[in-house]
Amino acid sequence: MLILGVLSDTHFVQTEGVVPSEIFEALKDADYIVHCGDINQYWVMEQLESIAPVLGVYGNTDPFELVSKLPHKRVLRLAGYEIGITHGEGEGLACNNALQHFRSHSLDLLLFGHSHCPESHRIGRTLCFNPGSATKPRCSEQGSIGLVYLGDHIQTSIQMLKRRAI
């Protein structure tokens, strides 16, 4: 079984800092970490790399430093599954907006962010998963991250943090 730790919308604003230990603890068993954008500081990606390889995309609030180094979307093949990763944008249903970037693909899993609200549901054959935001939640007082288990089938889990992570 392959485990993906999934983050989005961390919005770290300080130019130097430390990713909170609660995030490291929640991601400690991940084989890969996926960041679905709005990272805001490159040092976040560097620190997460100490846990597992990071696969990131940029979001609508990321600075040029990240936009120039990360793609807007990715398509991966892991554990036999086709996985799309993007931030998402626009008003309305973030999942529907994110799916528009992958019209020519037959995704098993879509990882996205933007809304700061965790969700996991299917649209057709695609499982749409948003981990919410560890640091700036909109739908809860608690931050959240996601875990995705890729085995015989795909399982998702939202991990609520004890508090906002910053």
Protein backbone atom coordinates (compact mmCIF):
# COMPACT_ATOMS: atom_id res chain seq x y z
CA MET A 1 0.00 0.00 0.00
CA LEU A 2 1.24 3.47 -0.93
CA ILE A 3 0.39 6.40 1.36
CA LEU A 4 0.06 9.99 0.14
CA GLY A 5 0.05 12.82 2.65
CA VAL A 6 -2.00 15.66 1.13
CA LEU A 7 -1.87 19.35 2.04
CA SER A 8 -3.31 22.48 0.51
CA ASP A 9 -3.72 26.14 1.32
CA THR A 10 -1.07 26.36 4.01
CA HIS A 11 -0.56 30.08 3.24
CA PHE A 12 2.62 30.46 5.26
CA VAL A 13 3.41 34.17 5.22
CA GLN A 14 6.62 34.34 7.24
CA THR A 15 9.73 34.34 5.07
CA GLU A 16 11.48 31.89 7.41
CA GLY A 17 9.91 29.51 9.82
CA VAL A 18 9.17 25.98 10.81
CA VAL A 19 6.37 23.73 9.64
CA PRO A 20 4.46 22.88 12.84
CA SER A 21 5.35 19.55 14.43
CA GLU A 22 1.70 18.44 14.36
CA ILE A 23 1.86 18.43 10.54
CA PHE A 24 5.11 16.43 10.58
CA GLU A 25 3.54 13.92 12.96
CA ALA A 26 0.42 13.51 10.81
CA LEU A 27 2.52 12.93 7.66
CA LYS A 28 5.23 10.71 9.16
CA ASP A 29 4.12 7.51 7.39
CA ALA A 30 3.64 9.09 3.95
CA ASP A 31 5.52 7.68 0.97
CA TYR A 32 4.89 10.96 -0.89
CA ILE A 33 3.57 14.35 0.14
CA VAL A 34 1.32 16.19 -2.28
CA HIS A 35 0.84 19.93 -1.82
CA CYS A 36 -2.11 21.24 -3.82
CA GLY A 37 -1.00 24.87 -3.90
CA ASP A 38 -1.16 28.13 -2.00
CA ILE A 39 2.05 27.20 -0.24
CA ASN A 40 3.31 30.80 -0.31
CA GLN A 41 6.89 30.04 0.86
CA TYR A 42 9.38 27.68 -0.76
CA TRP A 43 10.92 26.72 2.61
CA VAL A 44 7.69 24.82 3.40
CA MET A 45 8.35 22.42 0.52
CA GLU A 46 11.99 22.04 1.57
CA GLN A 47 11.03 21.11 5.14
CA LEU A 48 8.36 18.65 4.00
CA GLU A 49 11.02 16.95 1.83
CA SER A 50 12.64 15.73 5.07
CA ILE A 51 9.60 13.42 5.51
CA ALA A 52 9.05 12.20 1.94
CA PRO A 53 9.38 13.40 -1.67
CA VAL A 54 7.06 16.37 -2.29
CA LEU A 55 4.91 16.65 -5.41
CA GLY A 56 3.51 20.16 -5.57
CA VAL A 57 1.56 22.48 -7.80
CA TYR A 58 1.19 26.22 -7.48
CA GLY A 59 -1.98 27.96 -6.39
CA ASN A 60 -3.58 31.31 -7.08
CA THR A 61 -1.77 33.12 -4.22
CA ASP A 62 1.70 31.63 -4.71
CA PRO A 63 4.54 34.05 -5.53
CA PHE A 64 6.67 33.94 -8.68
CA GLU A 65 9.35 31.89 -6.87
CA LEU A 66 6.91 28.97 -6.61
CA VAL A 67 5.05 29.57 -9.89
CA SER A 68 8.37 29.42 -11.74
CA LYS A 69 9.34 26.09 -10.11
CA LEU A 70 6.03 24.22 -9.92
CA PRO A 71 3.45 23.23 -12.55
CA HIS A 72 -0.18 24.37 -12.50
CA LYS A 73 -1.28 20.74 -12.72
CA ARG A 74 0.27 17.28 -12.64
CA VAL A 75 -0.83 13.85 -13.73
CA LEU A 76 0.84 10.95 -11.95
CA ARG A 77 0.64 7.22 -12.26
CA LEU A 78 1.09 5.67 -8.81
CA ALA A 79 0.17 2.16 -7.66
CA GLY A 80 -1.71 1.67 -10.94
CA TYR A 81 -3.92 4.73 -10.50
CA GLU A 82 -4.06 7.88 -12.63
CA ILE A 83 -3.96 10.86 -10.29
CA GLY A 84 -4.51 14.51 -11.17
CA ILE A 85 -3.22 17.27 -8.93
CA THR A 86 -4.14 20.95 -9.21
CA HIS A 87 -5.08 23.79 -6.91
CA GLY A 88 -8.43 24.74 -8.37
CA GLU A 89 -9.74 28.25 -8.73
CA GLY A 90 -12.81 30.30 -9.32
CA GLU A 91 -16.10 30.53 -7.50
CA GLY A 92 -18.51 27.70 -6.89
CA LEU A 93 -17.66 24.04 -6.68
CA ALA A 94 -13.88 23.73 -6.41
CA CYS A 95 -13.91 20.09 -7.52
CA ASN A 96 -15.82 20.81 -10.74
CA ASN A 97 -13.46 23.70 -11.52
CA ALA A 98 -10.42 21.50 -10.85
CA LEU A 99 -11.73 18.65 -13.02
CA GLN A 100 -11.86 21.00 -16.02
CA HIS A 101 -8.04 20.88 -16.16
CA PHE A 102 -8.12 17.13 -16.79
CA ARG A 103 -10.80 16.71 -19.49
CA SER A 104 -8.47 14.63 -21.67
CA HIS A 105 -7.62 12.24 -18.81
CA SER A 106 -9.46 9.37 -17.20
CA LEU A 107 -8.58 10.11 -13.58
CA ASP A 108 -9.07 7.67 -10.75
CA LEU A 109 -8.25 10.37 -8.18
CA LEU A 110 -8.25 14.16 -8.23
CA LEU A 111 -6.35 16.00 -5.49
CA PHE A 112 -7.14 19.71 -5.21
CA GLY A 113 -7.53 22.59 -2.78
CA HIS A 114 -8.62 26.24 -2.98
CA SER A 115 -11.79 26.08 -0.88
CA HIS A 116 -9.99 25.45 2.47
CA CYS A 117 -12.76 22.91 3.21
CA PRO A 118 -12.08 19.15 3.32
CA GLU A 119 -14.14 16.95 1.05
CA SER A 120 -14.09 13.48 -0.44
CA HIS A 121 -16.69 12.36 -3.00
CA ARG A 122 -17.04 10.92 -6.46
CA ILE A 123 -17.91 12.62 -9.69
CA GLY A 124 -18.40 9.81 -12.17
CA ARG A 125 -15.46 7.43 -11.82
CA THR A 126 -13.17 10.07 -10.26
CA LEU A 127 -12.69 10.29 -6.52
CA CYS A 128 -12.30 14.01 -5.70
CA PHE A 129 -10.30 14.76 -2.55
CA ASN A 130 -9.54 18.09 -0.91
CA PRO A 131 -7.60 17.99 2.38
CA GLY A 132 -8.82 21.43 3.50
CA SER A 133 -6.28 23.76 5.08
CA ALA A 134 -3.97 22.97 8.00
CA THR A 135 -3.51 26.64 8.82
CA LYS A 136 -6.49 28.65 7.57
CA PRO A 137 -9.62 26.49 7.71
CA ARG A 138 -12.92 27.97 6.58
CA CYS A 139 -15.34 25.18 7.49
CA SER A 140 -14.05 24.34 10.97
CA GLU A 141 -12.07 25.79 13.83
CA GLN A 142 -9.53 23.03 13.32
CA GLY A 143 -7.02 22.73 10.52
CA SER A 144 -6.89 19.54 8.48
CA ILE A 145 -4.66 17.46 6.25
CA GLY A 146 -5.44 14.40 4.16
CA LEU A 147 -4.14 10.90 3.80
CA VAL A 148 -4.76 8.77 0.71
CA TYR A 149 -4.15 5.03 0.77
CA LEU A 150 -3.50 3.45 -2.63
CA GLY A 151 -3.97 -0.30 -2.46
CA ASP A 152 -6.54 -2.62 -4.01
CA HIS A 153 -8.80 0.42 -3.93
CA ILE A 154 -8.39 4.08 -2.96
CA GLN A 155 -9.19 5.12 0.60
CA THR A 156 -9.10 8.69 1.90
CA SER A 157 -8.92 10.08 5.40
CA ILE A 158 -9.18 13.62 6.74
CA GLN A 159 -6.96 14.19 9.77
CA MET A 160 -8.22 17.02 11.94
CA LEU A 161 -5.44 18.84 13.78
CA LYS A 162 -5.82 19.72 17.45
CA ARG A 163 -5.93 23.38 16.52
CA ARG A 164 -4.96 25.61 13.65
CA ALA A 165 -1.40 24.65 12.89
CA ILE A 166 -0.07 28.21 13.22
